[in-house]
């Protein structure tokens, strides 16, 4: 017993419609890519208006995250930050060289994600 949908199918017309859909597929992909790019741009602009850029200059005092340096193992109640340290050199991409208060230079560079401004 044929159904209403199977009774109305025209094989020639159906093949033409499928070819047309394949021809329009690239255009739909381009539209989706444009829409995705607009959405990403909107999210980037939203984020950039609210983010506050932090940079340090030589001579600034900073705290260093204890998790990154593994100097003091205080457990759950231990100190989260250690320092203060003085920024001696600002390298590129948020990397800094630090010096402790007694004048010894720390042996490696530190990323801005592991530093916090110290207000003395």
PDB file of N, CA and C in Angstrom:
ATOM      1  N   UNK A   1       0.840  -1.180   0.000  1.00  0.00           N
ATOM      2  CA  UNK A   1       0.000   0.000   0.000  1.00  0.00           C
ATOM      3  C   UNK A   1       0.884   1.241   0.000  1.00  0.00           C
ATOM      4  N   UNK A   2       0.887   2.012  -1.037  1.00  0.00           N
ATOM      5  CA  UNK A   2       1.727   3.211  -1.113  1.00  0.00           C
ATOM      6  C   UNK A   2       1.172   4.322  -0.225  1.00  0.00           C
ATOM      7  N   UNK A   3       2.115   5.060   0.362  1.00  0.00           N
ATOM      8  CA  UNK A   3       1.718   6.198   1.184  1.00  0.00           C
ATOM      9  C   UNK A   3       1.613   7.441   0.319  1.00  0.00           C
ATOM     10  N   UNK A   4       1.139   8.496   0.908  1.00  0.00           N
ATOM     11  CA  UNK A   4       0.971   9.749   0.184  1.00  0.00           C
ATOM     12  C   UNK A   4       2.321  10.282  -0.302  1.00  0.00           C
ATOM     13  N   UNK A   5       3.359  10.180   0.564  1.00  0.00           N
ATOM     14  CA  UNK A   5       4.694  10.693   0.188  1.00  0.00           C
ATOM     15  C   UNK A   5       5.301   9.876  -0.945  1.00  0.00           C
ATOM     16  N   UNK A   6       5.190   8.587  -0.870  1.00  0.00           N
ATOM     17  CA  UNK A   6       5.792   7.760  -1.925  1.00  0.00           C
ATOM     18  C   UNK A   6       5.011   7.865  -3.235  1.00  0.00           C
ATOM     19  N   UNK A   7       3.732   8.152  -3.152  1.00  0.00           N
ATOM     20  CA  UNK A   7       2.926   8.264  -4.372  1.00  0.00           C
ATOM     21  C   UNK A   7       3.243   9.547  -5.128  1.00  0.00           C
ATOM     22  N   UNK A   8       3.682  10.609  -4.437  1.00  0.00           N
ATOM     23  CA  UNK A   8       3.935  11.888  -5.087  1.00  0.00           C
ATOM     24  C   UNK A   8       5.394  12.095  -5.509  1.00  0.00           C
ATOM     25  N   UNK A   9       6.275  11.126  -5.264  1.00  0.00           N
ATOM     26  CA  UNK A   9       7.685  11.291  -5.598  1.00  0.00           C
ATOM     27  C   UNK A   9       7.872  11.229  -7.106  1.00  0.00           C
ATOM     28  N   UNK A  10       8.557  12.240  -7.614  1.00  0.00           N
ATOM     29  CA  UNK A  10       8.921  12.283  -9.029  1.00  0.00           C
ATOM     30  C   UNK A  10      10.437  12.135  -9.083  1.00  0.00           C
ATOM     31  N   UNK A  11      10.936  11.032  -9.581  1.00  0.00           N
ATOM     32  CA  UNK A  11      12.365  10.716  -9.533  1.00  0.00           C
ATOM     33  C   UNK A  11      13.191  11.741 -10.299  1.00  0.00           C
ATOM     34  N   UNK A  12      12.747  12.208 -11.428  1.00  0.00           N
ATOM     35  CA  UNK A  12      13.495  13.169 -12.228  1.00  0.00           C
ATOM     36  C   UNK A  12      13.564  14.508 -11.508  1.00  0.00           C
ATOM     37  N   UNK A  13      12.435  14.972 -11.020  1.00  0.00           N
ATOM     38  CA  UNK A  13      12.392  16.248 -10.300  1.00  0.00           C
ATOM     39  C   UNK A  13      13.201  16.158  -9.009  1.00  0.00           C
ATOM     40  N   UNK A  14      13.156  15.018  -8.338  1.00  0.00           N
ATOM     41  CA  UNK A  14      13.904  14.826  -7.099  1.00  0.00           C
ATOM     42  C   UNK A  14      15.414  14.897  -7.355  1.00  0.00           C
ATOM     43  N   UNK A  15      15.885  14.280  -8.433  1.00  0.00           N
ATOM     44  CA  UNK A  15      17.315  14.334  -8.764  1.00  0.00           C
ATOM     45  C   UNK A  15      17.758  15.755  -9.082  1.00  0.00           C
ATOM     46  N   UNK A  16      16.915  16.507  -9.772  1.00  0.00           N
ATOM     47  CA  UNK A  16      17.251  17.899 -10.076  1.00  0.00           C
ATOM     48  C   UNK A  16      17.364  18.731  -8.797  1.00  0.00           C
ATOM     49  N   UNK A  17      16.453  18.516  -7.856  1.00  0.00           N
ATOM     50  CA  UNK A  17      16.485  19.240  -6.590  1.00  0.00           C
ATOM     51  C   UNK A  17      17.744  18.873  -5.784  1.00  0.00           C
ATOM     52  N   UNK A  18      18.144  17.607  -5.799  1.00  0.00           N
ATOM     53  CA  UNK A  18      19.361  17.197  -5.091  1.00  0.00           C
ATOM     54  C   UNK A  18      20.601  17.844  -5.700  1.00  0.00           C
ATOM     55  N   UNK A  19      20.660  17.923  -7.021  1.00  0.00           N
ATOM     56  CA  UNK A  19      21.790  18.593  -7.679  1.00  0.00           C
ATOM     57  C   UNK A  19      21.821  20.080  -7.336  1.00  0.00           C
ATOM     58  N   UNK A  20      20.653  20.698  -7.270  1.00  0.00           N
ATOM     59  CA  UNK A  20      20.577  22.108  -6.900  1.00  0.00           C
ATOM     60  C   UNK A  20      21.049  22.317  -5.456  1.00  0.00           C
ATOM     61  N   UNK A  21      20.665  21.423  -4.564  1.00  0.00           N
ATOM     62  CA  UNK A  21      21.125  21.514  -3.177  1.00  0.00           C
ATOM     63  C   UNK A  21      22.644  21.373  -3.087  1.00  0.00           C
ATOM     64  N   UNK A  22      23.216  20.485  -3.893  1.00  0.00           N
ATOM     65  CA  UNK A  22      24.675  20.333  -3.896  1.00  0.00           C
ATOM     66  C   UNK A  22      25.360  21.576  -4.436  1.00  0.00           C
ATOM     67  N   UNK A  23      24.734  22.223  -5.423  1.00  0.00           N
ATOM     68  CA  UNK A  23      25.308  23.453  -5.964  1.00  0.00           C
ATOM     69  C   UNK A  23      25.280  24.574  -4.926  1.00  0.00           C
ATOM     70  N   UNK A  24      24.236  24.619  -4.107  1.00  0.00           N
ATOM     71  CA  UNK A  24      24.099  25.679  -3.113  1.00  0.00           C
ATOM     72  C   UNK A  24      24.833  25.369  -1.799  1.00  0.00           C
ATOM     73  N   UNK A  25      25.383  24.169  -1.697  1.00  0.00           N
ATOM     74  CA  UNK A  25      26.053  23.771  -0.457  1.00  0.00           C
ATOM     75  C   UNK A  25      27.255  24.659  -0.158  1.00  0.00           C
ATOM     76  N   UNK A  26      28.052  24.971  -1.146  1.00  0.00           N
ATOM     77  CA  UNK A  26      29.234  25.818  -0.940  1.00  0.00           C
ATOM     78  C   UNK A  26      28.835  27.220  -0.469  1.00  0.00           C
ATOM     79  N   UNK A  27      27.759  27.736  -1.032  1.00  0.00           N
ATOM     80  CA  UNK A  27      27.280  29.053  -0.612  1.00  0.00           C
ATOM     81  C   UNK A  27      26.822  29.027   0.850  1.00  0.00           C
ATOM     82  N   UNK A  28      26.164  27.962   1.261  1.00  0.00           N
ATOM     83  CA  UNK A  28      25.732  27.846   2.661  1.00  0.00           C
ATOM     84  C   UNK A  28      26.938  27.743   3.588  1.00  0.00           C
ATOM     85  N   UNK A  29      27.975  27.034   3.165  1.00  0.00           N
ATOM     86  CA  UNK A  29      29.192  26.939   3.974  1.00  0.00           C
ATOM     87  C   UNK A  29      29.855  28.304   4.136  1.00  0.00           C
ATOM     88  N   UNK A  30      29.895  29.070   3.057  1.00  0.00           N
ATOM     89  CA  UNK A  30      30.475  30.418   3.128  1.00  0.00           C
ATOM     90  C   UNK A  30      29.669  31.310   4.064  1.00  0.00           C
ATOM     91  N   UNK A  31      28.344  31.223   3.987  1.00  0.00           N
ATOM     92  CA  UNK A  31      27.498  32.007   4.886  1.00  0.00           C
ATOM     93  C   UNK A  31      27.721  31.617   6.343  1.00  0.00           C
ATOM     94  N   UNK A  32      27.869  30.316   6.597  1.00  0.00           N
ATOM     95  CA  UNK A  32      28.122  29.843   7.961  1.00  0.00           C
ATOM     96  C   UNK A  32      29.487  30.325   8.460  1.00  0.00           C
ATOM     97  N   UNK A  33      30.499  30.337   7.573  1.00  0.00           N
ATOM     98  CA  UNK A  33      31.822  30.814   7.966  1.00  0.00           C
ATOM     99  C   UNK A  33      31.797  32.308   8.281  1.00  0.00           C
ATOM    100  N   UNK A  34      31.063  33.068   7.496  1.00  0.00           N
ATOM    101  CA  UNK A  34      30.931  34.511   7.758  1.00  0.00           C
ATOM    102  C   UNK A  34      30.225  34.740   9.086  1.00  0.00           C
ATOM    103  N   UNK A  35      29.173  33.993   9.343  1.00  0.00           N
ATOM    104  CA  UNK A  35      28.438  34.119  10.600  1.00  0.00           C
ATOM    105  C   UNK A  35      29.331  33.754  11.794  1.00  0.00           C
ATOM    106  N   UNK A  36      30.128  32.709  11.644  1.00  0.00           N
ATOM    107  CA  UNK A  36      31.049  32.300  12.709  1.00  0.00           C
ATOM    108  C   UNK A  36      32.104  33.372  12.967  1.00  0.00           C
ATOM    109  N   UNK A  37      32.632  33.967  11.911  1.00  0.00           N
ATOM    110  CA  UNK A  37      33.636  35.016  12.068  1.00  0.00           C
ATOM    111  C   UNK A  37      33.043  36.243  12.775  1.00  0.00           C
ATOM    112  N   UNK A  38      31.808  36.598  12.441  1.00  0.00           N
ATOM    113  CA  UNK A  38      31.147  37.729  13.107  1.00  0.00           C
ATOM    114  C   UNK A  38      30.949  37.443  14.591  1.00  0.00           C
ATOM    115  N   UNK A  39      30.540  36.229  14.913  1.00  0.00           N
ATOM    116  CA  UNK A  39      30.313  35.870  16.315  1.00  0.00           C
ATOM    117  C   UNK A  39      31.621  35.897  17.097  1.00  0.00           C
ATOM    118  N   UNK A  40      32.703  35.390  16.501  1.00  0.00           N
ATOM    119  CA  UNK A  40      34.004  35.413  17.174  1.00  0.00           C
ATOM    120  C   UNK A  40      34.494  36.838  17.386  1.00  0.00           C
ATOM    121  N   UNK A  41      34.299  37.682  16.392  1.00  0.00           N
ATOM    122  CA  UNK A  41      34.701  39.078  16.518  1.00  0.00           C
ATOM    123  C   UNK A  41      33.913  39.767  17.632  1.00  0.00           C
ATOM    124  N   UNK A  42      32.632  39.482  17.714  1.00  0.00           N
ATOM    125  CA  UNK A  42      31.801  40.078  18.746  1.00  0.00           C
ATOM    126  C   UNK A  42      32.255  39.627  20.136  1.00  0.00           C
ATOM    127  N   UNK A  43      32.565  38.337  20.288  1.00  0.00           N
ATOM    128  CA  UNK A  43      33.043  37.838  21.580  1.00  0.00           C
ATOM    129  C   UNK A  43      34.393  38.435  21.938  1.00  0.00           C
ATOM    130  N   UNK A  44      35.266  38.586  20.953  1.00  0.00           N
ATOM    131  CA  UNK A  44      36.580  39.172  21.199  1.00  0.00           C
ATOM    132  C   UNK A  44      36.456  40.621  21.639  1.00  0.00           C
ATOM    133  N   UNK A  45      35.601  41.368  20.975  1.00  0.00           N
ATOM    134  CA  UNK A  45      35.404  42.761  21.357  1.00  0.00           C
ATOM    135  C   UNK A  45      34.801  42.868  22.755  1.00  0.00           C
ATOM    136  N   UNK A  46      33.863  41.990  23.084  1.00  0.00           N
ATOM    137  CA  UNK A  46      33.256  41.988  24.409  1.00  0.00           C
ATOM    138  C   UNK A  46      34.309  41.704  25.478  1.00  0.00           C
ATOM    139  N   UNK A  47      35.173  40.728  25.213  1.00  0.00           N
ATOM    140  CA  UNK A  47      36.220  40.381  26.174  1.00  0.00           C
ATOM    141  C   UNK A  47      37.228  41.517  26.319  1.00  0.00           C
ATOM    142  N   UNK A  48      37.660  42.087  25.209  1.00  0.00           N
ATOM    143  CA  UNK A  48      38.695  43.116  25.240  1.00  0.00           C
ATOM    144  C   UNK A  48      38.228  44.408  25.899  1.00  0.00           C
ATOM    145  N   UNK A  49      36.937  44.686  25.896  1.00  0.00           N
ATOM    146  CA  UNK A  49      36.470  45.894  26.563  1.00  0.00           C
ATOM    147  C   UNK A  49      36.493  45.744  28.076  1.00  0.00           C
ATOM    148  N   UNK A  50      36.462  44.516  28.578  1.00  0.00           N
ATOM    149  CA  UNK A  50      36.415  44.289  30.013  1.00  0.00           C
ATOM    150  C   UNK A  50      37.733  43.838  30.619  1.00  0.00           C
ATOM    151  N   UNK A  51      38.653  43.355  29.819  1.00  0.00           N
ATOM    152  CA  UNK A  51      39.930  42.889  30.358  1.00  0.00           C
ATOM    153  C   UNK A  51      40.831  44.087  30.633  1.00  0.00           C
ATOM    154  N   UNK A  52      41.565  43.983  31.706  1.00  0.00           N
ATOM    155  CA  UNK A  52      42.457  45.071  32.078  1.00  0.00           C
ATOM    156  C   UNK A  52      43.890  44.584  31.896  1.00  0.00           C
ATOM    157  N   UNK A  53      44.596  45.194  31.008  1.00  0.00           N
ATOM    158  CA  UNK A  53      45.964  44.794  30.747  1.00  0.00           C
ATOM    159  C   UNK A  53      46.887  45.222  31.874  1.00  0.00           C
ATOM    160  N   UNK A  54      47.716  44.305  32.348  1.00  0.00           N
ATOM    161  CA  UNK A  54      48.647  44.600  33.420  1.00  0.00           C
ATOM    162  C   UNK A  54      50.056  44.396  32.877  1.00  0.00           C
ATOM    163  N   UNK A  55      50.883  45.399  33.034  1.00  0.00           N
ATOM    164  CA  UNK A  55      52.286  45.280  32.684  1.00  0.00           C
ATOM    165  C   UNK A  55      53.108  45.854  33.823  1.00  0.00           C
ATOM    166  N   UNK A  56      54.310  45.379  33.939  1.00  0.00           N
ATOM    167  CA  UNK A  56      55.217  45.869  34.970  1.00  0.00           C
ATOM    168  C   UNK A  56      56.417  46.510  34.302  1.00  0.00           C
ATOM    169  N   UNK A  57      56.971  47.521  34.959  1.00  0.00           N
ATOM    170  CA  UNK A  57      58.166  48.193  34.466  1.00  0.00           C
ATOM    171  C   UNK A  57      59.316  47.869  35.407  1.00  0.00           C
ATOM    172  N   UNK A  58      60.540  47.983  34.942  1.00  0.00           N
ATOM    173  CA  UNK A  58      61.672  47.785  35.853  1.00  0.00           C
ATOM    174  C   UNK A  58      61.577  48.743  37.034  1.00  0.00           C
ATOM    175  N   UNK A  59      61.749  48.195  38.212  1.00  0.00           N
ATOM    176  CA  UNK A  59      61.629  48.975  39.432  1.00  0.00           C
ATOM    177  C   UNK A  59      60.332  48.718  40.182  1.00  0.00           C
ATOM    178  N   UNK A  60      59.340  48.113  39.538  1.00  0.00           N
ATOM    179  CA  UNK A  60      58.096  47.773  40.226  1.00  0.00           C
ATOM    180  C   UNK A  60      58.325  46.589  41.158  1.00  0.00           C
ATOM    181  N   UNK A  61      57.523  46.528  42.204  1.00  0.00           N
ATOM    182  CA  UNK A  61      57.597  45.423  43.135  1.00  0.00           C
ATOM    183  C   UNK A  61      56.399  44.509  42.914  1.00  0.00           C
ATOM    184  N   UNK A  62      56.667  43.206  42.915  1.00  0.00           N
ATOM    185  CA  UNK A  62      55.633  42.213  42.628  1.00  0.00           C
ATOM    186  C   UNK A  62      55.727  41.069  43.626  1.00  0.00           C
ATOM    187  N   UNK A  63      54.620  40.359  43.769  1.00  0.00           N
ATOM    188  CA  UNK A  63      54.588  39.088  44.484  1.00  0.00           C
ATOM    189  C   UNK A  63      54.634  37.977  43.450  1.00  0.00           C
ATOM    190  N   UNK A  64      55.209  36.833  43.843  1.00  0.00           N
ATOM    191  CA  UNK A  64      55.320  35.679  42.955  1.00  0.00           C
ATOM    192  C   UNK A  64      54.425  34.576  43.492  1.00  0.00           C
ATOM    193  N   UNK A  65      53.698  33.907  42.620  1.00  0.00           N
ATOM    194  CA  UNK A  65      52.788  32.838  43.023  1.00  0.00           C
ATOM    195  C   UNK A  65      53.590  31.655  43.572  1.00  0.00           C
ATOM    196  N   UNK A  66      53.183  31.182  44.734  1.00  0.00           N
ATOM    197  CA  UNK A  66      53.896  30.084  45.374  1.00  0.00           C
ATOM    198  C   UNK A  66      53.697  28.767  44.620  1.00  0.00           C
ATOM    199  N   UNK A  67      52.557  28.575  43.977  1.00  0.00           N
ATOM    200  CA  UNK A  67      52.321  27.346  43.217  1.00  0.00           C
ATOM    201  C   UNK A  67      53.293  27.218  42.050  1.00  0.00           C
ATOM    202  N   UNK A  68      53.691  28.327  41.463  1.00  0.00           N
ATOM    203  CA  UNK A  68      54.587  28.293  40.303  1.00  0.00           C
ATOM    204  C   UNK A  68      56.029  28.044  40.713  1.00  0.00           C
ATOM    205  N   UNK A  69      56.437  28.528  41.881  1.00  0.00           N
ATOM    206  CA  UNK A  69      57.841  28.408  42.282  1.00  0.00           C
ATOM    207  C   UNK A  69      58.114  27.176  43.133  1.00  0.00           C
ATOM    208  N   UNK A  70      57.120  26.632  43.808  1.00  0.00           N
ATOM    209  CA  UNK A  70      57.245  25.446  44.661  1.00  0.00           C
ATOM    210  C   UNK A  70      58.288  25.629  45.756  1.00  0.00           C
ATOM    211  N   UNK A  71      58.441  26.843  46.279  1.00  0.00           N
ATOM    212  CA  UNK A  71      59.426  27.098  47.319  1.00  0.00           C
ATOM    213  C   UNK A  71      58.901  26.652  48.669  1.00  0.00           C
ATOM    214  N   UNK A  72      57.707  27.080  49.030  1.00  0.00           N
ATOM    215  CA  UNK A  72      57.133  26.773  50.330  1.00  0.00           C
ATOM    216  C   UNK A  72      55.963  25.827  50.132  1.00  0.00           C
ATOM    217  N   UNK A  73      56.021  24.657  50.795  1.00  0.00           N
ATOM    218  CA  UNK A  73      54.907  23.726  50.723  1.00  0.00           C
ATOM    219  C   UNK A  73      54.106  23.859  52.007  1.00  0.00           C
ATOM    220  N   UNK A  74      53.170  24.774  52.016  1.00  0.00           N
ATOM    221  CA  UNK A  74      52.387  25.030  53.212  1.00  0.00           C
ATOM    222  C   UNK A  74      51.072  24.298  53.227  1.00  0.00           C
ATOM    223  N   UNK A  75      50.783  23.544  52.186  1.00  0.00           N
ATOM    224  CA  UNK A  75      49.517  22.839  52.125  1.00  0.00           C
ATOM    225  C   UNK A  75      48.358  23.779  51.877  1.00  0.00           C
ATOM    226  N   UNK A  76      47.225  23.397  52.415  1.00  0.00           N
ATOM    227  CA  UNK A  76      46.003  24.147  52.169  1.00  0.00           C
ATOM    228  C   UNK A  76      46.038  25.532  52.812  1.00  0.00           C
ATOM    229  N   UNK A  77      46.654  25.636  53.972  1.00  0.00           N
ATOM    230  CA  UNK A  77      46.666  26.899  54.698  1.00  0.00           C
ATOM    231  C   UNK A  77      47.963  27.673  54.514  1.00  0.00           C
ATOM    232  N   UNK A  78      48.820  27.225  53.615  1.00  0.00           N
ATOM    233  CA  UNK A  78      50.094  27.897  53.378  1.00  0.00           C
ATOM    234  C   UNK A  78      49.927  29.173  52.583  1.00  0.00           C
ATOM    235  N   UNK A  79      51.001  29.945  52.484  1.00  0.00           N
ATOM    236  CA  UNK A  79      50.925  31.209  51.732  1.00  0.00           C
ATOM    237  C   UNK A  79      50.747  30.956  50.239  1.00  0.00           C
ATOM    238  N   UNK A  80      49.928  31.766  49.614  1.00  0.00           N
ATOM    239  CA  UNK A  80      49.687  31.641  48.169  1.00  0.00           C
ATOM    240  C   UNK A  80      50.681  32.470  47.359  1.00  0.00           C
ATOM    241  N   UNK A  81      51.203  33.536  47.969  1.00  0.00           N
ATOM    242  CA  UNK A  81      52.116  34.434  47.277  1.00  0.00           C
ATOM    243  C   UNK A  81      53.367  34.602  48.124  1.00  0.00           C
ATOM    244  N   UNK A  82      54.494  34.841  47.497  1.00  0.00           N
ATOM    245  CA  UNK A  82      55.741  35.092  48.211  1.00  0.00           C
ATOM    246  C   UNK A  82      56.413  36.317  47.632  1.00  0.00           C
ATOM    247  N   UNK A  83      57.190  36.955  48.432  1.00  0.00           N
ATOM    248  CA  UNK A  83      57.873  38.135  47.939  1.00  0.00           C
ATOM    249  C   UNK A  83      57.891  39.215  48.981  1.00  0.00           C
ATOM    250  N   UNK A  84      58.114  40.402  48.655  1.00  0.00           N
ATOM    251  CA  UNK A  84      58.093  41.048  47.340  1.00  0.00           C
ATOM    252  C   UNK A  84      59.419  40.888  46.585  1.00  0.00           C
ATOM    253  N   UNK A  85      59.333  40.984  45.293  1.00  0.00           N
ATOM    254  CA  UNK A  85      60.478  40.955  44.393  1.00  0.00           C
ATOM    255  C   UNK A  85      60.439  42.216  43.545  1.00  0.00           C
ATOM    256  N   UNK A  86      61.606  42.615  43.082  1.00  0.00           N
ATOM    257  CA  UNK A  86      61.694  43.785  42.221  1.00  0.00           C
ATOM    258  C   UNK A  86      61.882  43.335  40.777  1.00  0.00           C
ATOM    259  N   UNK A  87      61.160  43.948  39.879  1.00  0.00           N
ATOM    260  CA  UNK A  87      61.308  43.651  38.449  1.00  0.00           C
ATOM    261  C   UNK A  87      62.580  44.344  37.969  1.00  0.00           C
ATOM    262  N   UNK A  88      63.522  43.564  37.441  1.00  0.00           N
ATOM    263  CA  UNK A  88      64.769  44.153  36.940  1.00  0.00           C
ATOM    264  C   UNK A  88      64.745  44.357  35.434  1.00  0.00           C
ATOM    265  N   UNK A  89      64.027  43.484  34.729  1.00  0.00           N
ATOM    266  CA  UNK A  89      64.014  43.576  33.268  1.00  0.00           C
ATOM    267  C   UNK A  89      62.669  43.083  32.748  1.00  0.00           C
ATOM    268  N   UNK A  90      62.079  43.822  31.851  1.00  0.00           N
ATOM    269  CA  UNK A  90      60.831  43.424  31.209  1.00  0.00           C
ATOM    270  C   UNK A  90      61.164  42.878  29.833  1.00  0.00           C
ATOM    271  N   UNK A  91      60.956  41.589  29.645  1.00  0.00           N
ATOM    272  CA  UNK A  91      61.195  40.951  28.354  1.00  0.00           C
ATOM    273  C   UNK A  91      59.910  40.998  27.541  1.00  0.00           C
ATOM    274  N   UNK A  92      59.867  40.324  26.414  1.00  0.00           N
ATOM    275  CA  UNK A  92      58.674  40.361  25.575  1.00  0.00           C
ATOM    276  C   UNK A  92      57.649  39.326  26.028  1.00  0.00           C
ATOM    277  N   UNK A  93      56.411  39.511  25.599  1.00  0.00           N
ATOM    278  CA  UNK A  93      55.292  38.599  25.832  1.00  0.00           C
ATOM    279  C   UNK A  93      55.028  38.331  27.302  1.00  0.00           C
ATOM    280  N   UNK A  94      55.162  39.342  28.151  1.00  0.00           N
ATOM    281  CA  UNK A  94      54.787  39.203  29.551  1.00  0.00           C
ATOM    282  C   UNK A  94      55.773  38.429  30.397  1.00  0.00           C
ATOM    283  N   UNK A  95      57.035  38.360  30.005  1.00  0.00           N
ATOM    284  CA  UNK A  95      58.064  37.673  30.788  1.00  0.00           C
ATOM    285  C   UNK A  95      58.927  38.724  31.494  1.00  0.00           C
ATOM    286  N   UNK A  96      59.294  38.425  32.729  1.00  0.00           N
ATOM    287  CA  UNK A  96      60.048  39.380  33.535  1.00  0.00           C
ATOM    288  C   UNK A  96      61.167  38.670  34.281  1.00  0.00           C
ATOM    289  N   UNK A  97      62.251  39.408  34.514  1.00  0.00           N
ATOM    290  CA  UNK A  97      63.327  38.947  35.385  1.00  0.00           C
ATOM    291  C   UNK A  97      63.143  39.642  36.726  1.00  0.00           C
ATOM    292  N   UNK A  98      63.333  38.862  37.801  1.00  0.00           N
ATOM    293  CA  UNK A  98      63.075  39.382  39.134  1.00  0.00           C
ATOM    294  C   UNK A  98      64.340  39.350  39.982  1.00  0.00           C
ATOM    295  N   UNK A  99      64.353  40.223  40.983  1.00  0.00           N
ATOM    296  CA  UNK A  99      65.435  40.263  41.962  1.00  0.00           C
ATOM    297  C   UNK A  99      64.788  40.316  43.337  1.00  0.00           C
ATOM    298  N   UNK A 100      65.329  39.533  44.271  1.00  0.00           N
ATOM    299  CA  UNK A 100      64.771  39.532  45.624  1.00  0.00           C
ATOM    300  C   UNK A 100      65.226  40.782  46.355  1.00  0.00           C
ATOM    301  N   UNK A 101      64.675  40.981  47.541  1.00  0.00           N
ATOM    302  CA  UNK A 101      64.964  42.192  48.297  1.00  0.00           C
ATOM    303  C   UNK A 101      66.411  42.243  48.790  1.00  0.00           C
ATOM    304  N   UNK A 102      67.069  41.075  48.919  1.00  0.00           N
ATOM    305  CA  UNK A 102      68.470  41.084  49.343  1.00  0.00           C
ATOM    306  C   UNK A 102      69.442  41.252  48.182  1.00  0.00           C
ATOM    307  N   UNK A 103      68.939  41.348  46.962  1.00  0.00           N
ATOM    308  CA  UNK A 103      69.772  41.648  45.802  1.00  0.00           C
ATOM    309  C   UNK A 103      70.101  40.467  44.915  1.00  0.00           C
ATOM    310  N   UNK A 104      69.715  39.244  45.279  1.00  0.00           N
ATOM    311  CA  UNK A 104      70.009  38.090  44.429  1.00  0.00           C
ATOM    312  C   UNK A 104      68.996  38.023  43.287  1.00  0.00           C
ATOM    313  N   UNK A 105      69.504  37.765  42.102  1.00  0.00           N
ATOM    314  CA  UNK A 105      68.662  37.683  40.905  1.00  0.00           C
ATOM    315  C   UNK A 105      68.121  36.273  40.804  1.00  0.00           C
ATOM    316  N   UNK A 106      66.812  36.142  40.583  1.00  0.00           N
ATOM    317  CA  UNK A 106      66.214  34.823  40.424  1.00  0.00           C
ATOM    318  C   UNK A 106      66.679  34.209  39.113  1.00  0.00           C
ATOM    319  N   UNK A 107      66.921  32.894  39.091  1.00  0.00           N
ATOM    320  CA  UNK A 107      67.606  32.278  37.952  1.00  0.00           C
ATOM    321  C   UNK A 107      66.803  32.165  36.664  1.00  0.00           C
ATOM    322  N   UNK A 108      65.517  32.335  36.675  1.00  0.00           N
ATOM    323  CA  UNK A 108      64.746  32.181  35.434  1.00  0.00           C
ATOM    324  C   UNK A 108      63.766  33.325  35.287  1.00  0.00           C
ATOM    325  N   UNK A 109      63.116  33.388  34.136  1.00  0.00           N
ATOM    326  CA  UNK A 109      62.131  34.438  33.900  1.00  0.00           C
ATOM    327  C   UNK A 109      60.786  33.993  34.456  1.00  0.00           C
ATOM    328  N   UNK A 110      59.931  34.974  34.715  1.00  0.00           N
ATOM    329  CA  UNK A 110      58.611  34.701  35.278  1.00  0.00           C
ATOM    330  C   UNK A 110      57.554  35.340  34.406  1.00  0.00           C
ATOM    331  N   UNK A 111      56.489  34.607  34.170  1.00  0.00           N
ATOM    332  CA  UNK A 111      55.393  35.081  33.340  1.00  0.00           C
ATOM    333  C   UNK A 111      54.469  35.961  34.167  1.00  0.00           C
ATOM    334  N   UNK A 112      53.796  36.862  33.504  1.00  0.00           N
ATOM    335  CA  UNK A 112      52.894  37.800  34.173  1.00  0.00           C
ATOM    336  C   UNK A 112      51.726  37.081  34.846  1.00  0.00           C
ATOM    337  N   UNK A 113      51.388  35.875  34.387  1.00  0.00           N
ATOM    338  CA  UNK A 113      50.295  35.116  34.995  1.00  0.00           C
ATOM    339  C   UNK A 113      50.649  34.683  36.420  1.00  0.00           C
ATOM    340  N   UNK A 114      51.935  34.593  36.740  1.00  0.00           N
ATOM    341  CA  UNK A 114      52.381  34.157  38.049  1.00  0.00           C
ATOM    342  C   UNK A 114      52.817  35.297  38.936  1.00  0.00           C
ATOM    343  N   UNK A 115      52.547  36.540  38.531  1.00  0.00           N
ATOM    344  CA  UNK A 115      52.968  37.708  39.289  1.00  0.00           C
ATOM    345  C   UNK A 115      51.761  38.556  39.654  1.00  0.00           C
ATOM    346  N   UNK A 116      51.900  39.275  40.770  1.00  0.00           N
ATOM    347  CA  UNK A 116      50.843  40.179  41.218  1.00  0.00           C
ATOM    348  C   UNK A 116      51.499  41.448  41.736  1.00  0.00           C
ATOM    349  N   UNK A 117      50.899  42.586  41.464  1.00  0.00           N
ATOM    350  CA  UNK A 117      51.452  43.869  41.872  1.00  0.00           C
ATOM    351  C   UNK A 117      51.507  43.959  43.392  1.00  0.00           C
ATOM    352  N   UNK A 118      52.614  44.480  43.886  1.00  0.00           N
ATOM    353  CA  UNK A 118      52.817  44.671  45.305  1.00  0.00           C
ATOM    354  C   UNK A 118      52.773  46.163  45.598  1.00  0.00           C
ATOM    355  N   UNK A 119      51.923  46.562  46.504  1.00  0.00           N
ATOM    356  CA  UNK A 119      51.803  47.976  46.863  1.00  0.00           C
ATOM    357  C   UNK A 119      52.519  48.201  48.183  1.00  0.00           C
ATOM    358  N   UNK A 120      53.766  48.695  48.106  1.00  0.00           N
ATOM    359  CA  UNK A 120      54.562  48.956  49.317  1.00  0.00           C
ATOM    360  C   UNK A 120      54.325  50.342  49.829  1.00  0.00           C
TER     361      UNK A 120
END
